[in-house]
């Protein structure tokens, strides 16, 4: 499960989401309010990314990748084509 692409995407989205939420809490909001019309874009984008990260990690945990079992053939079962 460590190298499942859903886990990687969830980890990246989660880390970017946390960074954006922290940036939103530490930034000068008066300057950003003028640019965005009063919407805290970093906060909402960070929460959205974190939400998608939870969905991807939950999906990977609830539906893990199933590795098919392989069978080995014995020499008696193996018959090459003529």
PDB file of N, CA and C in Angstrom:
ATOM      1  N   UNK A   1       0.815  -1.193   0.000  1.00  0.00           N
ATOM      2  CA  UNK A   1       0.000   0.000   0.000  1.00  0.00           C
ATOM      3  C   UNK A   1       0.863   1.263   0.000  1.00  0.00           C
ATOM      4  N   UNK A   2       2.110   1.137   0.366  1.00  0.00           N
ATOM      5  CA  UNK A   2       2.974   2.301   0.452  1.00  0.00           C
ATOM      6  C   UNK A   2       3.157   2.969  -0.903  1.00  0.00           C
ATOM      7  N   UNK A   3       3.234   2.199  -1.974  1.00  0.00           N
ATOM      8  CA  UNK A   3       3.476   2.759  -3.295  1.00  0.00           C
ATOM      9  C   UNK A   3       2.207   2.832  -4.145  1.00  0.00           C
ATOM     10  N   UNK A   4       1.064   2.790  -3.518  1.00  0.00           N
ATOM     11  CA  UNK A   4      -0.199   2.966  -4.225  1.00  0.00           C
ATOM     12  C   UNK A   4      -0.310   4.443  -4.628  1.00  0.00           C
ATOM     13  N   UNK A   5      -0.695   4.706  -5.864  1.00  0.00           N
ATOM     14  CA  UNK A   5      -0.739   6.077  -6.368  1.00  0.00           C
ATOM     15  C   UNK A   5      -1.738   6.919  -5.585  1.00  0.00           C
ATOM     16  N   UNK A   6      -2.794   6.304  -5.061  1.00  0.00           N
ATOM     17  CA  UNK A   6      -3.770   7.061  -4.277  1.00  0.00           C
ATOM     18  C   UNK A   6      -3.159   7.576  -2.989  1.00  0.00           C
ATOM     19  N   UNK A   7      -2.260   6.798  -2.403  1.00  0.00           N
ATOM     20  CA  UNK A   7      -1.586   7.225  -1.182  1.00  0.00           C
ATOM     21  C   UNK A   7      -0.651   8.392  -1.479  1.00  0.00           C
ATOM     22  N   UNK A   8       0.062   8.312  -2.587  1.00  0.00           N
ATOM     23  CA  UNK A   8       0.975   9.395  -2.967  1.00  0.00           C
ATOM     24  C   UNK A   8       0.208  10.695  -3.243  1.00  0.00           C
ATOM     25  N   UNK A   9      -0.876  10.597  -4.002  1.00  0.00           N
ATOM     26  CA  UNK A   9      -1.674  11.785  -4.308  1.00  0.00           C
ATOM     27  C   UNK A   9      -2.274  12.358  -3.033  1.00  0.00           C
ATOM     28  N   UNK A  10      -2.793  11.502  -2.166  1.00  0.00           N
ATOM     29  CA  UNK A  10      -3.359  11.962  -0.905  1.00  0.00           C
ATOM     30  C   UNK A  10      -2.334  12.652  -0.026  1.00  0.00           C
ATOM     31  N   UNK A  11      -1.127  12.105   0.026  1.00  0.00           N
ATOM     32  CA  UNK A  11      -0.069  12.714   0.848  1.00  0.00           C
ATOM     33  C   UNK A  11       0.334  14.085   0.296  1.00  0.00           C
ATOM     34  N   UNK A  12       0.468  14.186  -1.026  1.00  0.00           N
ATOM     35  CA  UNK A  12       0.837  15.472  -1.623  1.00  0.00           C
ATOM     36  C   UNK A  12      -0.261  16.517  -1.443  1.00  0.00           C
ATOM     37  N   UNK A  13      -1.494  16.142  -1.731  1.00  0.00           N
ATOM     38  CA  UNK A  13      -2.594  17.089  -1.553  1.00  0.00           C
ATOM     39  C   UNK A  13      -2.743  17.498  -0.094  1.00  0.00           C
ATOM     40  N   UNK A  14      -2.564  16.552   0.813  1.00  0.00           N
ATOM     41  CA  UNK A  14      -2.667  16.868   2.238  1.00  0.00           C
ATOM     42  C   UNK A  14      -1.576  17.818   2.692  1.00  0.00           C
ATOM     43  N   UNK A  15      -0.351  17.584   2.248  1.00  0.00           N
ATOM     44  CA  UNK A  15       0.737  18.476   2.662  1.00  0.00           C
ATOM     45  C   UNK A  15       0.559  19.871   2.066  1.00  0.00           C
ATOM     46  N   UNK A  16       0.153  19.968   0.789  1.00  0.00           N
ATOM     47  CA  UNK A  16      -0.093  21.277   0.191  1.00  0.00           C
ATOM     48  C   UNK A  16      -1.276  21.971   0.887  1.00  0.00           C
ATOM     49  N   UNK A  17      -2.286  21.214   1.243  1.00  0.00           N
ATOM     50  CA  UNK A  17      -3.430  21.793   1.947  1.00  0.00           C
ATOM     51  C   UNK A  17      -3.046  22.352   3.303  1.00  0.00           C
ATOM     52  N   UNK A  18      -2.233  21.628   4.051  1.00  0.00           N
ATOM     53  CA  UNK A  18      -1.786  22.107   5.359  1.00  0.00           C
ATOM     54  C   UNK A  18      -0.930  23.367   5.200  1.00  0.00           C
ATOM     55  N   UNK A  19      -0.054  23.379   4.185  1.00  0.00           N
ATOM     56  CA  UNK A  19       0.782  24.558   3.943  1.00  0.00           C
ATOM     57  C   UNK A  19      -0.072  25.771   3.610  1.00  0.00           C
ATOM     58  N   UNK A  20      -1.105  25.588   2.791  1.00  0.00           N
ATOM     59  CA  UNK A  20      -1.968  26.716   2.443  1.00  0.00           C
ATOM     60  C   UNK A  20      -2.775  27.209   3.634  1.00  0.00           C
ATOM     61  N   UNK A  21      -3.252  26.319   4.487  1.00  0.00           N
ATOM     62  CA  UNK A  21      -4.004  26.748   5.674  1.00  0.00           C
ATOM     63  C   UNK A  21      -3.090  27.518   6.628  1.00  0.00           C
ATOM     64  N   UNK A  22      -1.872  27.026   6.820  1.00  0.00           N
ATOM     65  CA  UNK A  22      -0.920  27.743   7.683  1.00  0.00           C
ATOM     66  C   UNK A  22      -0.581  29.103   7.082  1.00  0.00           C
ATOM     67  N   UNK A  23      -0.387  29.157   5.767  1.00  0.00           N
ATOM     68  CA  UNK A  23      -0.123  30.433   5.097  1.00  0.00           C
ATOM     69  C   UNK A  23      -1.283  31.391   5.284  1.00  0.00           C
ATOM     70  N   UNK A  24      -2.488  30.880   5.205  1.00  0.00           N
ATOM     71  CA  UNK A  24      -3.668  31.712   5.387  1.00  0.00           C
ATOM     72  C   UNK A  24      -3.729  32.304   6.789  1.00  0.00           C
ATOM     73  N   UNK A  25      -3.318  31.531   7.777  1.00  0.00           N
ATOM     74  CA  UNK A  25      -3.370  32.013   9.156  1.00  0.00           C
ATOM     75  C   UNK A  25      -2.258  33.014   9.459  1.00  0.00           C
ATOM     76  N   UNK A  26      -1.135  32.939   8.746  1.00  0.00           N
ATOM     77  CA  UNK A  26       0.008  33.786   9.047  1.00  0.00           C
ATOM     78  C   UNK A  26       0.154  35.005   8.136  1.00  0.00           C
ATOM     79  N   UNK A  27      -0.624  35.091   7.078  1.00  0.00           N
ATOM     80  CA  UNK A  27      -0.441  36.164   6.107  1.00  0.00           C
ATOM     81  C   UNK A  27      -1.146  37.449   6.541  1.00  0.00           C
ATOM     82  N   UNK A  28      -0.794  38.544   5.859  1.00  0.00           N
ATOM     83  CA  UNK A  28      -1.462  39.821   6.076  1.00  0.00           C
ATOM     84  C   UNK A  28      -2.754  39.820   5.271  1.00  0.00           C
ATOM     85  N   UNK A  29      -3.874  39.699   5.954  1.00  0.00           N
ATOM     86  CA  UNK A  29      -5.147  39.506   5.253  1.00  0.00           C
ATOM     87  C   UNK A  29      -5.660  40.778   4.584  1.00  0.00           C
ATOM     88  N   UNK A  30      -5.256  41.946   5.023  1.00  0.00           N
ATOM     89  CA  UNK A  30      -5.747  43.187   4.408  1.00  0.00           C
ATOM     90  C   UNK A  30      -5.290  43.300   2.959  1.00  0.00           C
ATOM     91  N   UNK A  31      -4.062  42.911   2.687  1.00  0.00           N
ATOM     92  CA  UNK A  31      -3.546  42.970   1.324  1.00  0.00           C
ATOM     93  C   UNK A  31      -4.246  41.957   0.434  1.00  0.00           C
ATOM     94  N   UNK A  32      -4.489  40.753   0.952  1.00  0.00           N
ATOM     95  CA  UNK A  32      -5.150  39.720   0.158  1.00  0.00           C
ATOM     96  C   UNK A  32      -6.631  40.022  -0.057  1.00  0.00           C
ATOM     97  N   UNK A  33      -7.264  40.679   0.907  1.00  0.00           N
ATOM     98  CA  UNK A  33      -8.687  41.017   0.752  1.00  0.00           C
ATOM     99  C   UNK A  33      -8.917  41.943  -0.433  1.00  0.00           C
ATOM    100  N   UNK A  34      -7.997  42.846  -0.664  1.00  0.00           N
ATOM    101  CA  UNK A  34      -8.121  43.764  -1.809  1.00  0.00           C
ATOM    102  C   UNK A  34      -8.028  42.985  -3.111  1.00  0.00           C
ATOM    103  N   UNK A  35      -7.112  42.006  -3.180  1.00  0.00           N
ATOM    104  CA  UNK A  35      -6.904  41.247  -4.405  1.00  0.00           C
ATOM    105  C   UNK A  35      -8.031  40.265  -4.699  1.00  0.00           C
ATOM    106  N   UNK A  36      -8.612  39.679  -3.667  1.00  0.00           N
ATOM    107  CA  UNK A  36      -9.583  38.598  -3.864  1.00  0.00           C
ATOM    108  C   UNK A  36     -11.024  38.999  -3.572  1.00  0.00           C
ATOM    109  N   UNK A  37     -11.254  40.238  -3.195  1.00  0.00           N
ATOM    110  CA  UNK A  37     -12.617  40.672  -2.928  1.00  0.00           C
ATOM    111  C   UNK A  37     -13.147  40.181  -1.596  1.00  0.00           C
ATOM    112  N   UNK A  38     -12.294  39.969  -0.635  1.00  0.00           N
ATOM    113  CA  UNK A  38     -12.721  39.577   0.703  1.00  0.00           C
ATOM    114  C   UNK A  38     -12.762  38.085   0.958  1.00  0.00           C
ATOM    115  N   UNK A  39     -12.363  37.283  -0.007  1.00  0.00           N
ATOM    116  CA  UNK A  39     -12.373  35.821   0.153  1.00  0.00           C
ATOM    117  C   UNK A  39     -10.961  35.371   0.524  1.00  0.00           C
ATOM    118  N   UNK A  40     -10.840  34.548   1.544  1.00  0.00           N
ATOM    119  CA  UNK A  40      -9.537  34.012   1.934  1.00  0.00           C
ATOM    120  C   UNK A  40      -9.256  32.777   1.067  1.00  0.00           C
ATOM    121  N   UNK A  41      -8.628  33.022  -0.070  1.00  0.00           N
ATOM    122  CA  UNK A  41      -8.417  31.983  -1.074  1.00  0.00           C
ATOM    123  C   UNK A  41      -7.509  30.879  -0.555  1.00  0.00           C
ATOM    124  N   UNK A  42      -6.445  31.236   0.150  1.00  0.00           N
ATOM    125  CA  UNK A  42      -5.529  30.221   0.663  1.00  0.00           C
ATOM    126  C   UNK A  42      -6.223  29.279   1.639  1.00  0.00           C
ATOM    127  N   UNK A  43      -7.081  29.824   2.482  1.00  0.00           N
ATOM    128  CA  UNK A  43      -7.804  28.982   3.437  1.00  0.00           C
ATOM    129  C   UNK A  43      -8.729  28.006   2.723  1.00  0.00           C
ATOM    130  N   UNK A  44      -9.527  28.506   1.780  1.00  0.00           N
ATOM    131  CA  UNK A  44     -10.494  27.641   1.103  1.00  0.00           C
ATOM    132  C   UNK A  44      -9.815  26.637   0.185  1.00  0.00           C
ATOM    133  N   UNK A  45      -8.758  27.052  -0.498  1.00  0.00           N
ATOM    134  CA  UNK A  45      -8.030  26.105  -1.345  1.00  0.00           C
ATOM    135  C   UNK A  45      -7.342  25.050  -0.496  1.00  0.00           C
ATOM    136  N   UNK A  46      -6.776  25.456   0.644  1.00  0.00           N
ATOM    137  CA  UNK A  46      -6.129  24.501   1.546  1.00  0.00           C
ATOM    138  C   UNK A  46      -7.112  23.508   2.123  1.00  0.00           C
ATOM    139  N   UNK A  47      -8.282  23.985   2.539  1.00  0.00           N
ATOM    140  CA  UNK A  47      -9.295  23.068   3.075  1.00  0.00           C
ATOM    141  C   UNK A  47      -9.816  22.121   1.992  1.00  0.00           C
ATOM    142  N   UNK A  48      -9.956  22.630   0.770  1.00  0.00           N
ATOM    143  CA  UNK A  48     -10.386  21.770  -0.341  1.00  0.00           C
ATOM    144  C   UNK A  48      -9.368  20.688  -0.652  1.00  0.00           C
ATOM    145  N   UNK A  49      -8.099  21.078  -0.688  1.00  0.00           N
ATOM    146  CA  UNK A  49      -7.039  20.085  -0.943  1.00  0.00           C
ATOM    147  C   UNK A  49      -6.971  19.067   0.183  1.00  0.00           C
ATOM    148  N   UNK A  50      -7.108  19.523   1.414  1.00  0.00           N
ATOM    149  CA  UNK A  50      -7.072  18.600   2.541  1.00  0.00           C
ATOM    150  C   UNK A  50      -8.271  17.644   2.489  1.00  0.00           C
ATOM    151  N   UNK A  51      -9.428  18.154   2.062  1.00  0.00           N
ATOM    152  CA  UNK A  51     -10.602  17.293   1.911  1.00  0.00           C
ATOM    153  C   UNK A  51     -10.390  16.212   0.860  1.00  0.00           C
ATOM    154  N   UNK A  52      -9.820  16.589  -0.280  1.00  0.00           N
ATOM    155  CA  UNK A  52      -9.519  15.601  -1.317  1.00  0.00           C
ATOM    156  C   UNK A  52      -8.480  14.597  -0.846  1.00  0.00           C
ATOM    157  N   UNK A  53      -7.529  15.054  -0.035  1.00  0.00           N
ATOM    158  CA  UNK A  53      -6.516  14.139   0.514  1.00  0.00           C
ATOM    159  C   UNK A  53      -7.166  13.095   1.408  1.00  0.00           C
ATOM    160  N   UNK A  54      -8.121  13.509   2.211  1.00  0.00           N
ATOM    161  CA  UNK A  54      -8.836  12.567   3.072  1.00  0.00           C
ATOM    162  C   UNK A  54      -9.597  11.552   2.235  1.00  0.00           C
ATOM    163  N   UNK A  55     -10.199  12.010   1.130  1.00  0.00           N
ATOM    164  CA  UNK A  55     -10.928  11.099   0.243  1.00  0.00           C
ATOM    165  C   UNK A  55      -9.971  10.080  -0.381  1.00  0.00           C
ATOM    166  N   UNK A  56      -8.829  10.525  -0.886  1.00  0.00           N
ATOM    167  CA  UNK A  56      -7.884   9.613  -1.523  1.00  0.00           C
ATOM    168  C   UNK A  56      -7.308   8.612  -0.528  1.00  0.00           C
ATOM    169  N   UNK A  57      -6.929   9.068   0.662  1.00  0.00           N
ATOM    170  CA  UNK A  57      -6.368   8.152   1.661  1.00  0.00           C
ATOM    171  C   UNK A  57      -7.447   7.175   2.135  1.00  0.00           C
ATOM    172  N   UNK A  58      -8.666   7.677   2.332  1.00  0.00           N
ATOM    173  CA  UNK A  58      -9.761   6.793   2.720  1.00  0.00           C
ATOM    174  C   UNK A  58     -10.060   5.758   1.652  1.00  0.00           C
ATOM    175  N   UNK A  59     -10.021   6.166   0.403  1.00  0.00           N
ATOM    176  CA  UNK A  59     -10.236   5.247  -0.714  1.00  0.00           C
ATOM    177  C   UNK A  59      -9.163   4.164  -0.729  1.00  0.00           C
ATOM    178  N   UNK A  60      -7.924   4.557  -0.504  1.00  0.00           N
ATOM    179  CA  UNK A  60      -6.826   3.575  -0.489  1.00  0.00           C
ATOM    180  C   UNK A  60      -6.958   2.620   0.691  1.00  0.00           C
ATOM    181  N   UNK A  61      -7.453   3.103   1.822  1.00  0.00           N
ATOM    182  CA  UNK A  61      -7.604   2.231   2.994  1.00  0.00           C
ATOM    183  C   UNK A  61      -8.810   1.299   2.870  1.00  0.00           C
ATOM    184  N   UNK A  62      -9.910   1.824   2.314  1.00  0.00           N
ATOM    185  CA  UNK A  62     -11.130   1.013   2.215  1.00  0.00           C
ATOM    186  C   UNK A  62     -11.095   0.023   1.060  1.00  0.00           C
ATOM    187  N   UNK A  63     -10.409   0.345  -0.019  1.00  0.00           N
ATOM    188  CA  UNK A  63     -10.318  -0.526  -1.187  1.00  0.00           C
ATOM    189  C   UNK A  63      -8.863  -0.770  -1.549  1.00  0.00           C
ATOM    190  N   UNK A  64      -8.145  -1.567  -0.752  1.00  0.00           N
ATOM    191  CA  UNK A  64      -6.722  -1.786  -1.060  1.00  0.00           C
ATOM    192  C   UNK A  64      -6.541  -2.563  -2.355  1.00  0.00           C
ATOM    193  N   UNK A  65      -5.368  -2.423  -2.928  1.00  0.00           N
ATOM    194  CA  UNK A  65      -5.043  -3.111  -4.173  1.00  0.00           C
ATOM    195  C   UNK A  65      -4.927  -4.607  -3.884  1.00  0.00           C
ATOM    196  N   UNK A  66      -5.597  -5.405  -4.681  1.00  0.00           N
ATOM    197  CA  UNK A  66      -5.554  -6.854  -4.525  1.00  0.00           C
ATOM    198  C   UNK A  66      -4.527  -7.418  -5.506  1.00  0.00           C
ATOM    199  N   UNK A  67      -3.522  -8.057  -4.974  1.00  0.00           N
ATOM    200  CA  UNK A  67      -2.490  -8.666  -5.812  1.00  0.00           C
ATOM    201  C   UNK A  67      -2.957 -10.075  -6.174  1.00  0.00           C
ATOM    202  N   UNK A  68      -3.074 -10.387  -7.459  1.00  0.00           N
ATOM    203  CA  UNK A  68      -3.543 -11.726  -7.832  1.00  0.00           C
ATOM    204  C   UNK A  68      -2.500 -12.785  -7.475  1.00  0.00           C
ATOM    205  N   UNK A  69      -3.012 -13.935  -7.060  1.00  0.00           N
ATOM    206  CA  UNK A  69      -2.112 -15.032  -6.730  1.00  0.00           C
ATOM    207  C   UNK A  69      -1.649 -15.711  -8.018  1.00  0.00           C
ATOM    208  N   UNK A  70      -0.391 -16.100  -8.051  1.00  0.00           N
ATOM    209  CA  UNK A  70       0.135 -16.794  -9.217  1.00  0.00           C
ATOM    210  C   UNK A  70       0.329 -18.264  -8.873  1.00  0.00           C
ATOM    211  N   UNK A  71       0.137 -19.101  -9.853  1.00  0.00           N
ATOM    212  CA  UNK A  71       0.351 -20.529  -9.655  1.00  0.00           C
ATOM    213  C   UNK A  71       1.598 -20.945 -10.411  1.00  0.00           C
ATOM    214  N   UNK A  72       2.288 -21.905  -9.882  1.00  0.00           N
ATOM    215  CA  UNK A  72       3.485 -22.402 -10.562  1.00  0.00           C
ATOM    216  C   UNK A  72       3.135 -23.692 -11.285  1.00  0.00           C
ATOM    217  N   UNK A  73       3.723 -23.857 -12.440  1.00  0.00           N
ATOM    218  CA  UNK A  73       3.477 -25.062 -13.231  1.00  0.00           C
ATOM    219  C   UNK A  73       4.612 -26.057 -13.002  1.00  0.00           C
ATOM    220  N   UNK A  74       4.257 -27.303 -12.960  1.00  0.00           N
ATOM    221  CA  UNK A  74       5.280 -28.338 -12.878  1.00  0.00           C
ATOM    222  C   UNK A  74       5.675 -28.749 -14.294  1.00  0.00           C
ATOM    223  N   UNK A  75       6.737 -29.481 -14.431  1.00  0.00           N
ATOM    224  CA  UNK A  75       7.205 -29.894 -15.751  1.00  0.00           C
ATOM    225  C   UNK A  75       6.208 -30.809 -16.453  1.00  0.00           C
ATOM    226  N   UNK A  76       5.421 -31.555 -15.692  1.00  0.00           N
ATOM    227  CA  UNK A  76       4.436 -32.454 -16.307  1.00  0.00           C
ATOM    228  C   UNK A  76       3.281 -31.641 -16.927  1.00  0.00           C
ATOM    229  N   UNK A  77       2.966 -30.504 -16.318  1.00  0.00           N
ATOM    230  CA  UNK A  77       1.846 -29.674 -16.833  1.00  0.00           C
ATOM    231  C   UNK A  77       2.278 -28.819 -18.027  1.00  0.00           C
ATOM    232  N   UNK A  78       3.538 -28.579 -18.161  1.00  0.00           N
ATOM    233  CA  UNK A  78       4.038 -27.724 -19.228  1.00  0.00           C
ATOM    234  C   UNK A  78       4.244 -28.525 -20.500  1.00  0.00           C
ATOM    235  N   UNK A  79       3.507 -28.139 -21.532  1.00  0.00           N
ATOM    236  CA  UNK A  79       3.694 -28.807 -22.826  1.00  0.00           C
ATOM    237  C   UNK A  79       3.918 -27.720 -23.864  1.00  0.00           C
ATOM    238  N   UNK A  80       5.106 -27.604 -24.410  1.00  0.00           N
ATOM    239  CA  UNK A  80       5.373 -26.543 -25.395  1.00  0.00           C
ATOM    240  C   UNK A  80       4.637 -26.816 -26.700  1.00  0.00           C
ATOM    241  N   UNK A  81       4.360 -25.747 -27.406  1.00  0.00           N
ATOM    242  CA  UNK A  81       3.704 -25.867 -28.711  1.00  0.00           C
ATOM    243  C   UNK A  81       4.692 -26.439 -29.720  1.00  0.00           C
ATOM    244  N   UNK A  82       4.195 -27.310 -30.626  1.00  0.00           N
ATOM    245  CA  UNK A  82       5.100 -27.905 -31.635  1.00  0.00           C
ATOM    246  C   UNK A  82       5.505 -26.927 -32.703  1.00  0.00           C
TER     247      UNK A  82
END
